[in-house]
């Protein structure tokens, strides 16, 4: 598991990916994994059967947001909102990303870009605007569960242990686009050279060696593990680790008060200019109750008798 510092590699980006080291050996027991991310059509079946209401559709509680004005406590979610022109991608405060993210009242899985949008023509796209609990609720309804981080990486590699991408070590073998990522100048100009500006329907790019689709790019995917930057160091200290389930609690030194779970795979917003986490051994993270329009999930299932 893990990856070496990718900064000297083509399309490796600017981030050393320190939390993805040390590279270490892990053994996982057998499991089944969904071939693709859960789609809008699949999630709609779940909602129709159960009446489930996602976190983005619920009114935020005042006790969870002390000091917030009552008129601000309205259901909604976080939507990528490209600026009108080029902006600095990094600043000393670590808040540069706020230039291209907006909390949009009324945004949710049924209205992915805001209340005036809907799912027309989007049935085969991954469902987004789902928090960790929403993803776990769907998985339980389907008789499945969310993958551990170790299971996710093992499956995403498709049998290519140590490779940089799920398909090998070249980002574009023979000039072919292998994943839905960002082209153009981030975050203002998406040239859509890979054929998609924004989310793509599942299965729009080639599968990996295990037949799994979109394990790189398109949308981030929730895992069951709590996030800590030192998880790999702790695991590596114990030698070969069997079926790791992650740490007992979350800690992100950049936002120590927020409980975060691991996210994997990157999204359509990833580029070597800002976020190169389409690299298969890299890690992401998300606050458990926060939903965005570039994060979804897929499920796994244990074999009978396990």
Foldseek 3Di string as FASTA:
>chain_A
DFAAQQPVDVQSADDRLLLRDDDAAEAEDDWFWDQEAAFLQNVVVVCVVPVDDALLQDFDDCVVPPPDDPVVRARWAKEFAADQDDDDQDDPLRCSCVNGIDTEHQDAQQAPHHVVRGCVVRRQFHGFRHFQVRQQVSQVVVQFGFAAPVVLLVVQCLPVPRAFAVAGPDCQVVNAHAAQAADDDPPHDGPCPNVDDAADGWPPGAGGNVSHTQLAARAKAFHQEWDDSCFHVVVRVVHHHYPDRYDPFHADPVCGVATKTKIAHYYNHATSHHHSRVGSSHIDIDRRRHIYSRHGHITMHGPPPD
